[in-house]
Amino acid sequence: MNNPTSKYEKMNFRFCGTSGLQLPAISFGLWHNFGSVDLYENSRKMILYAFERGITHFDLANNYGPEPGSAEETFGRILHKDLAGYRDQMIISTKAGYYMWPGPYGDGGSRKYLLASLDQSLQRMNLDYVDIYYHHRPDPDTPIEESMLALDHAVRQGKALYVGISSYNSEQTREAMRIMRELRTPCIIHQVKYNMFDRDIERDLLDTLKEFGLGCIVFSPLAQGLLTDKYLNDIPADSRAAKPNGFLSKDAITDQRRAQIKKLNEIAQSRNQSLAQLAVAWVLRQETVTSALIGASSIEQIDDNLKVLENSELSTEELKQINDVLQ
């Protein structure tokens, strides 16, 4: 790092709810492109570039890869080879809640799974602790109290500084926070899916987060790439929608959806922005949103997303234009 402090001048930091922890407005997610099947040197370049540009928060999960677990291994390798002296300038988060290993103890929200998974994640990354440990999703077969007590235990063991929840609805969030407040556990953040095409959290969850002083970090702000210029005219052969087993199907790109994307792109161009930048600015407009999680397959994509910080304010008229398109 040429100038250790210059990266902080390039990034906007926001307090995570009512906690004392600040996160960068743009955080980096390692869901894709950091597994054992990906080019290590490209993964390394992206991590180092992101950190140099002020992205201090790196978000993982036990099952990120593929193979599951390999994203944590890749990140741990880069951290210790290139960034070992910067651990205290980084926020590292991981999660457990989805299927990770065979049998009844490798999925869900049981105390057994959450604590065993955290130990495995720490081993893969060669860390003593993570900054934030999430329950990745609510488990209908496990009492929320059991999952929250497991998160509390992770903090008391010193293996997580803070904890969070992900994809809980408003009612589940209220129950979780009632328990956490009774335990005095630093549960400070909720990770949710939110973008122009998926606005469910606006119904009541954002109000609940504000009520409990929870920060909100948004995943999929670009709707798996729909809110970019990638699908304006066709489906590129190397895109997520072209992959048979991806999270974005070709069926999602209807004529109506493409027409919306084109109109949104016109609004972005009128602001001298890319559509991706407009999409990130749109989620960051919410006072409750602490950070937007971006993914990338190249340095150029990271750079494009970061340019939103130069023009992130949306006028009342622009918000009306966007809402009219989304109607």
C-alpha atoms as a PDB file:
ATOM      1  CA  MET A   1       0.000   0.000   0.000  1.00  0.00           C
ATOM      2  CA  ASN A   2       1.623   3.234  -1.158  1.00  0.00           C
ATOM      3  CA  ASN A   3      -0.272   5.520   1.224  1.00  0.00           C
ATOM      4  CA  PRO A   4      -1.983   3.619   4.080  1.00  0.00           C
ATOM      5  CA  THR A   5      -4.476   6.415   4.827  1.00  0.00           C
ATOM      6  CA  SER A   6      -5.377   7.606   1.326  1.00  0.00           C
ATOM      7  CA  LYS A   7      -7.962   4.860   0.831  1.00  0.00           C
ATOM      8  CA  TYR A   8     -10.120   6.280   3.618  1.00  0.00           C
ATOM      9  CA  GLU A   9     -10.343   9.589   1.778  1.00  0.00           C
ATOM     10  CA  LYS A  10     -11.859   7.810  -1.235  1.00  0.00           C
ATOM     11  CA  MET A  11     -14.702   6.088   0.622  1.00  0.00           C
ATOM     12  CA  ASN A  12     -17.832   7.199   2.441  1.00  0.00           C
ATOM     13  CA  PHE A  13     -18.311   5.446   5.775  1.00  0.00           C
ATOM     14  CA  ARG A  14     -21.654   5.052   7.547  1.00  0.00           C
ATOM     15  CA  PHE A  15     -22.493   3.964  11.070  1.00  0.00           C
ATOM     16  CA  CYS A  16     -24.103   0.543  11.241  1.00  0.00           C
ATOM     17  CA  GLY A  17     -27.440   1.352  12.820  1.00  0.00           C
ATOM     18  CA  THR A  18     -26.979   2.784  16.307  1.00  0.00           C
ATOM     19  CA  SER A  19     -23.732   0.855  16.890  1.00  0.00           C
ATOM     20  CA  GLY A  20     -20.286   2.421  16.903  1.00  0.00           C
ATOM     21  CA  LEU A  21     -19.148   0.338  13.922  1.00  0.00           C
ATOM     22  CA  GLN A  22     -18.743   2.105  10.583  1.00  0.00           C
ATOM     23  CA  LEU A  23     -18.905   0.283   7.263  1.00  0.00           C
ATOM     24  CA  PRO A  24     -17.928   1.546   3.831  1.00  0.00           C
ATOM     25  CA  ALA A  25     -20.900   2.563   1.674  1.00  0.00           C
ATOM     26  CA  ILE A  26     -19.666  -0.058  -0.793  1.00  0.00           C
ATOM     27  CA  SER A  27     -18.737  -3.479   0.584  1.00  0.00           C
ATOM     28  CA  PHE A  28     -17.293  -6.391  -1.372  1.00  0.00           C
ATOM     29  CA  GLY A  29     -19.032  -9.773  -1.526  1.00  0.00           C
ATOM     30  CA  LEU A  30     -17.216 -12.990  -2.422  1.00  0.00           C
ATOM     31  CA  TRP A  31     -20.279 -15.028  -3.413  1.00  0.00           C
ATOM     32  CA  HIS A  32     -18.985 -15.543  -6.955  1.00  0.00           C
ATOM     33  CA  ASN A  33     -15.543 -15.558  -8.620  1.00  0.00           C
ATOM     34  CA  PHE A  34     -13.431 -16.509  -5.587  1.00  0.00           C
ATOM     35  CA  GLY A  35     -13.847 -20.265  -5.531  1.00  0.00           C
ATOM     36  CA  SER A  36     -11.406 -23.043  -6.293  1.00  0.00           C
ATOM     37  CA  VAL A  37     -12.658 -23.071  -9.913  1.00  0.00           C
ATOM     38  CA  ASP A  38     -11.692 -19.409 -10.424  1.00  0.00           C
ATOM     39  CA  LEU A  39      -8.340 -17.892 -11.304  1.00  0.00           C
ATOM     40  CA  TYR A  40      -6.542 -17.141  -8.048  1.00  0.00           C
ATOM     41  CA  GLU A  41      -4.530 -14.256  -9.465  1.00  0.00           C
ATOM     42  CA  ASN A  42      -7.690 -12.486 -10.646  1.00  0.00           C
ATOM     43  CA  SER A  43      -9.277 -12.964  -7.216  1.00  0.00           C
ATOM     44  CA  ARG A  44      -6.136 -11.581  -5.594  1.00  0.00           C
ATOM     45  CA  LYS A  45      -6.050  -8.512  -7.845  1.00  0.00           C
ATOM     46  CA  MET A  46      -9.681  -7.702  -7.071  1.00  0.00           C
ATOM     47  CA  ILE A  47      -9.260  -8.003  -3.290  1.00  0.00           C
ATOM     48  CA  LEU A  48      -6.150  -5.819  -3.261  1.00  0.00           C
ATOM     49  CA  TYR A  49      -7.694  -3.236  -5.592  1.00  0.00           C
ATOM     50  CA  ALA A  50     -10.902  -3.062  -3.552  1.00  0.00           C
ATOM     51  CA  PHE A  51      -8.984  -2.527  -0.311  1.00  0.00           C
ATOM     52  CA  GLU A  52      -6.736   0.092  -1.894  1.00  0.00           C
ATOM     53  CA  ARG A  53      -9.867   1.994  -2.951  1.00  0.00           C
ATOM     54  CA  GLY A  54     -11.303   2.042   0.569  1.00  0.00           C
ATOM     55  CA  ILE A  55     -13.487  -1.054   0.566  1.00  0.00           C
ATOM     56  CA  THR A  56     -12.602  -2.298   4.036  1.00  0.00           C
ATOM     57  CA  HIS A  57     -15.473  -4.778   4.420  1.00  0.00           C
ATOM     58  CA  PHE A  58     -15.272  -8.238   2.824  1.00  0.00           C
ATOM     59  CA  ASP A  59     -18.332 -10.483   3.069  1.00  0.00           C
ATOM     60  CA  LEU A  60     -18.178 -14.273   2.854  1.00  0.00           C
ATOM     61  CA  ALA A  61     -20.181 -17.344   3.847  1.00  0.00           C
ATOM     62  CA  ASN A  62     -19.249 -20.914   4.680  1.00  0.00           C
ATOM     63  CA  ASN A  63     -20.672 -22.269   1.411  1.00  0.00           C
ATOM     64  CA  TYR A  64     -19.272 -19.682  -1.019  1.00  0.00           C
ATOM     65  CA  GLY A  65     -17.205 -21.222  -3.798  1.00  0.00           C
ATOM     66  CA  PRO A  66     -17.503 -23.458  -5.648  1.00  0.00           C
ATOM     67  CA  GLU A  67     -16.376 -25.758  -4.094  1.00  0.00           C
ATOM     68  CA  PRO A  68     -18.187 -24.773  -0.876  1.00  0.00           C
ATOM     69  CA  GLY A  69     -15.679 -23.267   1.523  1.00  0.00           C
ATOM     70  CA  SER A  70     -13.127 -22.431  -1.132  1.00  0.00           C
ATOM     71  CA  ALA A  71     -13.935 -18.696  -1.217  1.00  0.00           C
ATOM     72  CA  GLU A  72     -12.943 -18.493   2.450  1.00  0.00           C
ATOM     73  CA  GLU A  73      -9.756 -20.427   1.691  1.00  0.00           C
ATOM     74  CA  THR A  74      -8.916 -18.086  -1.201  1.00  0.00           C
ATOM     75  CA  PHE A  75      -9.582 -15.003   0.903  1.00  0.00           C
ATOM     76  CA  GLY A  76      -7.548 -16.352   3.812  1.00  0.00           C
ATOM     77  CA  ARG A  77      -4.619 -17.023   1.517  1.00  0.00           C
ATOM     78  CA  ILE A  78      -4.719 -13.479   0.082  1.00  0.00           C
ATOM     79  CA  LEU A  79      -5.162 -11.956   3.533  1.00  0.00           C
ATOM     80  CA  HIS A  80      -2.105 -13.647   5.003  1.00  0.00           C
ATOM     81  CA  LYS A  81       0.094 -13.296   1.943  1.00  0.00           C
ATOM     82  CA  ASP A  82      -0.665  -9.682   1.010  1.00  0.00           C
ATOM     83  CA  LEU A  83      -2.657  -7.984   3.779  1.00  0.00           C
ATOM     84  CA  ALA A  84      -1.410  -9.548   7.014  1.00  0.00           C
ATOM     85  CA  GLY A  85      -0.474  -6.181   8.477  1.00  0.00           C
ATOM     86  CA  TYR A  86      -3.916  -4.695   7.795  1.00  0.00           C
ATOM     87  CA  ARG A  87      -6.217  -7.058   9.709  1.00  0.00           C
ATOM     88  CA  ASP A  88      -7.233  -4.346  12.170  1.00  0.00           C
ATOM     89  CA  GLN A  89      -8.217  -2.077   9.265  1.00  0.00           C
ATOM     90  CA  MET A  90     -10.622  -4.648   7.836  1.00  0.00           C
ATOM     91  CA  ILE A  91     -14.124  -5.893   8.565  1.00  0.00           C
ATOM     92  CA  ILE A  92     -14.444  -9.580   7.695  1.00  0.00           C
ATOM     93  CA  SER A  93     -17.839 -11.243   7.870  1.00  0.00           C
ATOM     94  CA  THR A  94     -19.033 -14.769   7.262  1.00  0.00           C
ATOM     95  CA  LYS A  95     -22.304 -16.658   7.559  1.00  0.00           C
ATOM     96  CA  ALA A  96     -23.873 -20.079   8.080  1.00  0.00           C
ATOM     97  CA  GLY A  97     -27.411 -21.253   7.474  1.00  0.00           C
ATOM     98  CA  TYR A  98     -27.488 -22.994   4.104  1.00  0.00           C
ATOM     99  CA  TYR A  99     -26.406 -26.549   3.283  1.00  0.00           C
ATOM    100  CA  MET A 100     -22.699 -27.086   3.886  1.00  0.00           C
ATOM    101  CA  TRP A 101     -22.047 -30.768   4.668  1.00  0.00           C
ATOM    102  CA  PRO A 102     -24.068 -34.021   4.654  1.00  0.00           C
ATOM    103  CA  GLY A 103     -26.273 -35.123   7.497  1.00  0.00           C
ATOM    104  CA  PRO A 104     -28.489 -33.302   9.990  1.00  0.00           C
ATOM    105  CA  TYR A 105     -25.714 -31.080  11.406  1.00  0.00           C
ATOM    106  CA  GLY A 106     -24.598 -29.309   8.221  1.00  0.00           C
ATOM    107  CA  ASP A 107     -27.579 -27.079   7.472  1.00  0.00           C
ATOM    108  CA  GLY A 108     -30.146 -24.850   9.154  1.00  0.00           C
ATOM    109  CA  GLY A 109     -29.912 -22.940  12.412  1.00  0.00           C
ATOM    110  CA  SER A 110     -29.067 -25.360  15.201  1.00  0.00           C
ATOM    111  CA  ARG A 111     -26.474 -24.477  17.824  1.00  0.00           C
ATOM    112  CA  LYS A 112     -24.463 -27.505  16.681  1.00  0.00           C
ATOM    113  CA  TYR A 113     -24.310 -26.316  13.053  1.00  0.00           C
ATOM    114  CA  LEU A 114     -23.726 -22.601  13.637  1.00  0.00           C
ATOM    115  CA  LEU A 115     -20.855 -23.060  16.107  1.00  0.00           C
ATOM    116  CA  ALA A 116     -19.194 -25.912  14.226  1.00  0.00           C
ATOM    117  CA  SER A 117     -19.433 -23.959  10.981  1.00  0.00           C
ATOM    118  CA  LEU A 118     -17.840 -20.895  12.535  1.00  0.00           C
ATOM    119  CA  ASP A 119     -14.898 -22.981  13.730  1.00  0.00           C
ATOM    120  CA  GLN A 120     -14.489 -24.360  10.200  1.00  0.00           C
ATOM    121  CA  SER A 121     -14.670 -20.872   8.652  1.00  0.00           C
ATOM    122  CA  LEU A 122     -12.017 -19.546  11.020  1.00  0.00           C
ATOM    123  CA  GLN A 123      -9.792 -22.487  10.179  1.00  0.00           C
ATOM    124  CA  ARG A 124     -10.213 -21.962   6.417  1.00  0.00           C
ATOM    125  CA  MET A 125      -9.334 -18.272   6.716  1.00  0.00           C
ATOM    126  CA  ASN A 126      -6.681 -18.878   9.401  1.00  0.00           C
ATOM    127  CA  LEU A 127      -8.295 -16.287  11.685  1.00  0.00           C
ATOM    128  CA  ASP A 128      -8.890 -16.095  15.421  1.00  0.00           C
ATOM    129  CA  TYR A 129     -12.149 -14.198  14.970  1.00  0.00           C
ATOM    130  CA  VAL A 130     -14.448 -12.608  12.412  1.00  0.00           C
ATOM    131  CA  ASP A 131     -15.837  -9.132  12.812  1.00  0.00           C
ATOM    132  CA  ILE A 132     -19.426 -10.110  11.959  1.00  0.00           C
ATOM    133  CA  TYR A 133     -21.006 -13.576  12.052  1.00  0.00           C
ATOM    134  CA  TYR A 134     -24.469 -13.996  10.545  1.00  0.00           C
ATOM    135  CA  HIS A 135     -27.200 -16.558  10.656  1.00  0.00           C
ATOM    136  CA  HIS A 136     -27.645 -16.740   6.884  1.00  0.00           C
ATOM    137  CA  ARG A 137     -31.385 -17.466   6.884  1.00  0.00           C
ATOM    138  CA  PRO A 138     -34.113 -18.345   9.377  1.00  0.00           C
ATOM    139  CA  ASP A 139     -34.632 -22.067   9.934  1.00  0.00           C
ATOM    140  CA  PRO A 140     -38.301 -23.098  10.319  1.00  0.00           C
ATOM    141  CA  ASP A 141     -37.236 -26.277  12.142  1.00  0.00           C
ATOM    142  CA  THR A 142     -35.125 -24.532  14.792  1.00  0.00           C
ATOM    143  CA  PRO A 143     -36.380 -22.057  17.403  1.00  0.00           C
ATOM    144  CA  ILE A 144     -35.037 -18.570  16.758  1.00  0.00           C
ATOM    145  CA  GLU A 145     -33.952 -18.517  20.404  1.00  0.00           C
ATOM    146  CA  GLU A 146     -31.564 -21.435  19.795  1.00  0.00           C
ATOM    147  CA  SER A 147     -29.988 -19.729  16.775  1.00  0.00           C
ATOM    148  CA  MET A 148     -29.615 -16.443  18.650  1.00  0.00           C
ATOM    149  CA  LEU A 149     -28.069 -18.154  21.679  1.00  0.00           C
ATOM    150  CA  ALA A 150     -25.526 -19.745  19.344  1.00  0.00           C
ATOM    151  CA  LEU A 151     -24.617 -16.321  17.921  1.00  0.00           C
ATOM    152  CA  ASP A 152     -24.364 -14.956  21.450  1.00  0.00           C
ATOM    153  CA  HIS A 153     -22.013 -17.799  22.395  1.00  0.00           C
ATOM    154  CA  ALA A 154     -19.786 -17.004  19.390  1.00  0.00           C
ATOM    155  CA  VAL A 155     -19.354 -13.470  20.745  1.00  0.00           C
ATOM    156  CA  ARG A 156     -18.694 -14.656  24.299  1.00  0.00           C
ATOM    157  CA  GLN A 157     -16.075 -17.085  22.975  1.00  0.00           C
ATOM    158  CA  GLY A 158     -14.315 -14.185  21.265  1.00  0.00           C
ATOM    159  CA  LYS A 159     -14.806 -15.731  17.827  1.00  0.00           C
ATOM    160  CA  ALA A 160     -17.029 -12.889  16.566  1.00  0.00           C
ATOM    161  CA  LEU A 161     -17.040  -9.223  17.564  1.00  0.00           C
ATOM    162  CA  TYR A 162     -20.572  -8.594  16.301  1.00  0.00           C
ATOM    163  CA  VAL A 163     -23.350 -10.778  14.933  1.00  0.00           C
ATOM    164  CA  GLY A 164     -26.149 -10.307  12.456  1.00  0.00           C
ATOM    165  CA  ILE A 165     -29.073 -11.961  10.731  1.00  0.00           C
ATOM    166  CA  SER A 166     -29.949 -12.323   7.070  1.00  0.00           C
ATOM    167  CA  SER A 167     -33.207 -12.761   5.156  1.00  0.00           C
ATOM    168  CA  TYR A 168     -35.363 -12.668   8.317  1.00  0.00           C
ATOM    169  CA  ASN A 169     -38.780 -11.102   7.806  1.00  0.00           C
ATOM    170  CA  SER A 170     -40.070  -8.337  10.067  1.00  0.00           C
ATOM    171  CA  GLU A 171     -41.743 -10.634  12.595  1.00  0.00           C
ATOM    172  CA  GLN A 172     -38.712 -12.929  12.805  1.00  0.00           C
ATOM    173  CA  THR A 173     -36.429  -9.901  13.185  1.00  0.00           C
ATOM    174  CA  ARG A 174     -38.498  -8.627  16.092  1.00  0.00           C
ATOM    175  CA  GLU A 175     -38.289 -11.970  17.878  1.00  0.00           C
ATOM    176  CA  ALA A 176     -34.550 -12.237  17.264  1.00  0.00           C
ATOM    177  CA  MET A 177     -33.891  -8.719  18.544  1.00  0.00           C
ATOM    178  CA  ARG A 178     -36.032  -9.234  21.647  1.00  0.00           C
ATOM    179  CA  ILE A 179     -33.765 -12.144  22.558  1.00  0.00           C
ATOM    180  CA  MET A 180     -30.556 -10.327  21.666  1.00  0.00           C
ATOM    181  CA  ARG A 181     -31.489  -7.274  23.726  1.00  0.00           C
ATOM    182  CA  GLU A 182     -32.193  -9.498  26.716  1.00  0.00           C
ATOM    183  CA  LEU A 183     -28.777 -11.134  26.267  1.00  0.00           C
ATOM    184  CA  ARG A 184     -27.091  -7.769  25.535  1.00  0.00           C
ATOM    185  CA  THR A 185     -25.492  -9.337  22.459  1.00  0.00           C
ATOM    186  CA  PRO A 186     -24.117  -6.899  19.832  1.00  0.00           C
ATOM    187  CA  CYS A 187     -26.467  -7.932  17.011  1.00  0.00           C
ATOM    188  CA  ILE A 188     -26.075  -4.854  14.845  1.00  0.00           C
ATOM    189  CA  ILE A 189     -26.858  -5.718  11.224  1.00  0.00           C
ATOM    190  CA  HIS A 190     -29.369  -7.344   8.889  1.00  0.00           C
ATOM    191  CA  GLN A 191     -28.336  -8.484   5.413  1.00  0.00           C
ATOM    192  CA  VAL A 192     -31.221  -8.320   2.934  1.00  0.00           C
ATOM    193  CA  LYS A 193     -31.926  -8.619  -0.746  1.00  0.00           C
ATOM    194  CA  TYR A 194     -32.944  -5.238  -2.119  1.00  0.00           C
ATOM    195  CA  ASN A 195     -32.929  -3.628  -5.537  1.00  0.00           C
ATOM    196  CA  MET A 196     -35.237  -1.774  -7.916  1.00  0.00           C
ATOM    197  CA  PHE A 197     -36.894  -5.036  -8.959  1.00  0.00           C
ATOM    198  CA  ASP A 198     -37.183  -6.515  -5.449  1.00  0.00           C
ATOM    199  CA  ARG A 199     -38.598  -4.019  -2.956  1.00  0.00           C
ATOM    200  CA  ASP A 200     -40.222  -6.320  -0.382  1.00  0.00           C
ATOM    201  CA  ILE A 201     -38.256  -4.858   2.520  1.00  0.00           C
ATOM    202  CA  GLU A 202     -39.950  -1.496   1.996  1.00  0.00           C
ATOM    203  CA  ARG A 203     -43.264  -2.871   3.245  1.00  0.00           C
ATOM    204  CA  ASP A 204     -42.316  -3.160   6.926  1.00  0.00           C
ATOM    205  CA  LEU A 205     -38.791  -4.525   7.417  1.00  0.00           C
ATOM    206  CA  LEU A 206     -36.986  -1.209   6.950  1.00  0.00           C
ATOM    207  CA  ASP A 207     -39.182   0.324   9.650  1.00  0.00           C
ATOM    208  CA  THR A 208     -38.421  -2.596  11.963  1.00  0.00           C
ATOM    209  CA  LEU A 209     -34.687  -2.203  11.427  1.00  0.00           C
ATOM    210  CA  LYS A 210     -34.901   1.480  12.233  1.00  0.00           C
ATOM    211  CA  GLU A 211     -36.965   0.774  15.347  1.00  0.00           C
ATOM    212  CA  PHE A 212     -34.313  -1.607  16.706  1.00  0.00           C
ATOM    213  CA  GLY A 213     -31.318   0.436  15.574  1.00  0.00           C
ATOM    214  CA  LEU A 214     -30.116  -2.265  13.193  1.00  0.00           C
ATOM    215  CA  GLY A 215     -27.891  -1.448  10.263  1.00  0.00           C
ATOM    216  CA  CYS A 216     -28.894  -2.789   6.864  1.00  0.00           C
ATOM    217  CA  ILE A 217     -26.501  -4.171   4.273  1.00  0.00           C
ATOM    218  CA  VAL A 218     -27.982  -4.902   0.868  1.00  0.00           C
ATOM    219  CA  PHE A 219     -27.049  -7.855  -1.301  1.00  0.00           C
ATOM    220  CA  SER A 220     -27.915  -8.135  -4.993  1.00  0.00           C
ATOM    221  CA  PRO A 221     -28.339  -4.363  -5.537  1.00  0.00           C
ATOM    222  CA  LEU A 222     -27.830  -5.013  -9.266  1.00  0.00           C
ATOM    223  CA  ALA A 223     -30.433  -7.811  -9.354  1.00  0.00           C
ATOM    224  CA  GLN A 224     -27.871 -10.441 -10.375  1.00  0.00           C
ATOM    225  CA  GLY A 225     -26.695  -8.198 -13.201  1.00  0.00           C
ATOM    226  CA  LEU A 226     -30.117  -7.256 -14.583  1.00  0.00           C
ATOM    227  CA  LEU A 227     -29.528  -3.664 -13.500  1.00  0.00           C
ATOM    228  CA  THR A 228     -26.502  -3.219 -15.744  1.00  0.00           C
ATOM    229  CA  ASP A 229     -26.122  -2.556 -19.446  1.00  0.00           C
ATOM    230  CA  LYS A 230     -25.360  -6.238 -20.025  1.00  0.00           C
ATOM    231  CA  TYR A 231     -28.901  -7.239 -21.019  1.00  0.00           C
ATOM    232  CA  LEU A 232     -30.066  -4.149 -22.889  1.00  0.00           C
ATOM    233  CA  ASN A 233     -30.250  -5.925 -26.239  1.00  0.00           C
ATOM    234  CA  ASP A 234     -29.529  -9.627 -25.813  1.00  0.00           C
ATOM    235  CA  ILE A 235     -28.131 -12.257 -23.443  1.00  0.00           C
ATOM    236  CA  PRO A 236     -24.330 -12.412 -23.776  1.00  0.00           C
ATOM    237  CA  ALA A 237     -22.857 -15.905 -23.931  1.00  0.00           C
ATOM    238  CA  ASP A 238     -20.628 -15.259 -20.904  1.00  0.00           C
ATOM    239  CA  SER A 239     -23.379 -13.773 -18.705  1.00  0.00           C
ATOM    240  CA  ARG A 240     -25.044 -15.317 -15.646  1.00  0.00           C
ATOM    241  CA  ALA A 241     -28.353 -15.650 -17.496  1.00  0.00           C
ATOM    242  CA  ALA A 242     -26.640 -17.772 -20.159  1.00  0.00           C
ATOM    243  CA  LYS A 243     -25.409 -20.313 -17.618  1.00  0.00           C
ATOM    244  CA  PRO A 244     -27.728 -23.330 -17.182  1.00  0.00           C
ATOM    245  CA  ASN A 245     -27.350 -23.508 -13.394  1.00  0.00           C
ATOM    246  CA  GLY A 246     -27.021 -19.830 -12.516  1.00  0.00           C
ATOM    247  CA  PHE A 247     -29.152 -17.766 -10.140  1.00  0.00           C
ATOM    248  CA  LEU A 248     -30.488 -15.639 -13.008  1.00  0.00           C
ATOM    249  CA  SER A 249     -32.562 -17.440 -15.621  1.00  0.00           C
ATOM    250  CA  LYS A 250     -33.239 -16.355 -19.183  1.00  0.00           C
ATOM    251  CA  ASP A 251     -36.951 -16.425 -18.334  1.00  0.00           C
ATOM    252  CA  ALA A 252     -36.435 -13.472 -16.002  1.00  0.00           C
ATOM    253  CA  ILE A 253     -35.483 -11.253 -18.926  1.00  0.00           C
ATOM    254  CA  THR A 254     -38.918 -10.682 -20.434  1.00  0.00           C
ATOM    255  CA  ASP A 255     -39.721  -8.025 -23.037  1.00  0.00           C
ATOM    256  CA  GLN A 256     -41.357  -5.936 -20.286  1.00  0.00           C
ATOM    257  CA  ARG A 257     -38.309  -6.256 -18.047  1.00  0.00           C
ATOM    258  CA  ARG A 258     -35.945  -5.322 -20.868  1.00  0.00           C
ATOM    259  CA  ALA A 259     -38.082  -2.264 -21.645  1.00  0.00           C
ATOM    260  CA  GLN A 260     -37.757  -1.202 -17.990  1.00  0.00           C
ATOM    261  CA  ILE A 261     -34.001  -1.750 -18.063  1.00  0.00           C
ATOM    262  CA  LYS A 262     -33.680   0.444 -21.160  1.00  0.00           C
ATOM    263  CA  LYS A 263     -35.692   3.271 -19.579  1.00  0.00           C
ATOM    264  CA  LEU A 264     -33.664   3.066 -16.372  1.00  0.00           C
ATOM    265  CA  ASN A 265     -30.501   3.160 -18.460  1.00  0.00           C
ATOM    266  CA  GLU A 266     -31.725   6.373 -20.080  1.00  0.00           C
ATOM    267  CA  ILE A 267     -32.177   7.926 -16.613  1.00  0.00           C
ATOM    268  CA  ALA A 268     -28.659   6.800 -15.691  1.00  0.00           C
ATOM    269  CA  GLN A 269     -27.223   8.321 -18.883  1.00  0.00           C
ATOM    270  CA  SER A 270     -28.955  11.618 -18.138  1.00  0.00           C
ATOM    271  CA  ARG A 271     -26.954  11.625 -14.870  1.00  0.00           C
ATOM    272  CA  ASN A 272     -23.739  10.680 -16.706  1.00  0.00           C
ATOM    273  CA  GLN A 273     -23.784   7.343 -14.913  1.00  0.00           C
ATOM    274  CA  SER A 274     -23.855   3.689 -15.800  1.00  0.00           C
ATOM    275  CA  LEU A 275     -27.036   1.784 -14.959  1.00  0.00           C
ATOM    276  CA  ALA A 276     -25.096  -0.129 -12.296  1.00  0.00           C
ATOM    277  CA  GLN A 277     -24.104   3.124 -10.617  1.00  0.00           C
ATOM    278  CA  LEU A 278     -27.711   4.349 -10.640  1.00  0.00           C
ATOM    279  CA  ALA A 279     -28.872   1.059  -9.108  1.00  0.00           C
ATOM    280  CA  VAL A 280     -26.364   1.320  -6.255  1.00  0.00           C
ATOM    281  CA  ALA A 281     -27.214   4.984  -5.660  1.00  0.00           C
ATOM    282  CA  TRP A 282     -30.887   4.012  -5.487  1.00  0.00           C
ATOM    283  CA  VAL A 283     -30.398   1.508  -2.634  1.00  0.00           C
ATOM    284  CA  LEU A 284     -28.026   3.845  -0.783  1.00  0.00           C
ATOM    285  CA  ARG A 285     -30.687   6.577  -0.786  1.00  0.00           C
ATOM    286  CA  GLN A 286     -32.379   4.787   2.122  1.00  0.00           C
ATOM    287  CA  GLU A 287     -31.272   6.220   5.459  1.00  0.00           C
ATOM    288  CA  THR A 288     -31.415   2.761   7.063  1.00  0.00           C
ATOM    289  CA  VAL A 289     -29.092   1.208   4.462  1.00  0.00           C
ATOM    290  CA  THR A 290     -25.529   1.191   5.756  1.00  0.00           C
ATOM    291  CA  SER A 291     -23.799  -0.430   2.795  1.00  0.00           C
ATOM    292  CA  ALA A 292     -24.359  -2.019  -0.605  1.00  0.00           C
ATOM    293  CA  LEU A 293     -22.636  -5.330  -1.288  1.00  0.00           C
ATOM    294  CA  ILE A 294     -21.184  -5.566  -4.760  1.00  0.00           C
ATOM    295  CA  GLY A 295     -19.682  -8.549  -6.512  1.00  0.00           C
ATOM    296  CA  ALA A 296     -17.275  -8.434  -9.419  1.00  0.00           C
ATOM    297  CA  SER A 297     -15.312 -10.533 -11.856  1.00  0.00           C
ATOM    298  CA  SER A 298     -12.819  -7.797 -12.746  1.00  0.00           C
ATOM    299  CA  ILE A 299     -11.154  -4.664 -11.427  1.00  0.00           C
ATOM    300  CA  GLU A 300     -13.049  -2.671 -14.049  1.00  0.00           C
ATOM    301  CA  GLN A 301     -16.398  -3.696 -12.540  1.00  0.00           C
ATOM    302  CA  ILE A 302     -15.245  -2.642  -9.071  1.00  0.00           C
ATOM    303  CA  ASP A 303     -14.102   0.693 -10.434  1.00  0.00           C
ATOM    304  CA  ASP A 304     -17.409   1.270 -12.223  1.00  0.00           C
ATOM    305  CA  ASN A 305     -19.392   0.610  -9.042  1.00  0.00           C
ATOM    306  CA  LEU A 306     -17.175   2.868  -6.938  1.00  0.00           C
ATOM    307  CA  LYS A 307     -17.819   5.825  -9.227  1.00  0.00           C
ATOM    308  CA  VAL A 308     -21.310   6.015  -7.738  1.00  0.00           C
ATOM    309  CA  LEU A 309     -19.717   7.744  -4.742  1.00  0.00           C
ATOM    310  CA  GLU A 310     -19.039  10.745  -6.973  1.00  0.00           C
ATOM    311  CA  ASN A 311     -22.751  11.133  -7.766  1.00  0.00           C
ATOM    312  CA  SER A 312     -24.975   9.307  -5.294  1.00  0.00           C
ATOM    313  CA  GLU A 313     -27.675  11.910  -4.602  1.00  0.00           C
ATOM    314  CA  LEU A 314     -31.006  11.387  -6.349  1.00  0.00           C
ATOM    315  CA  SER A 315     -33.422  14.280  -6.794  1.00  0.00           C
ATOM    316  CA  THR A 316     -37.139  14.032  -6.074  1.00  0.00           C
ATOM    317  CA  GLU A 317     -37.809  14.235  -9.814  1.00  0.00           C
ATOM    318  CA  GLU A 318     -35.340  11.446 -10.588  1.00  0.00           C
ATOM    319  CA  LEU A 319     -36.882   9.209  -7.940  1.00  0.00           C
ATOM    320  CA  LYS A 320     -40.312   9.863  -9.460  1.00  0.00           C
ATOM    321  CA  GLN A 321     -39.013   8.956 -12.918  1.00  0.00           C
ATOM    322  CA  ILE A 322     -37.584   5.703 -11.556  1.00  0.00           C
ATOM    323  CA  ASN A 323     -40.818   4.844  -9.740  1.00  0.00           C
ATOM    324  CA  ASP A 324     -42.815   5.516 -12.895  1.00  0.00           C
ATOM    325  CA  VAL A 325     -40.629   3.011 -14.777  1.00  0.00           C
ATOM    326  CA  LEU A 326     -40.924   0.418 -12.012  1.00  0.00           C
ATOM    327  CA  GLN A 327     -44.719   0.694 -11.916  1.00  0.00           C
END
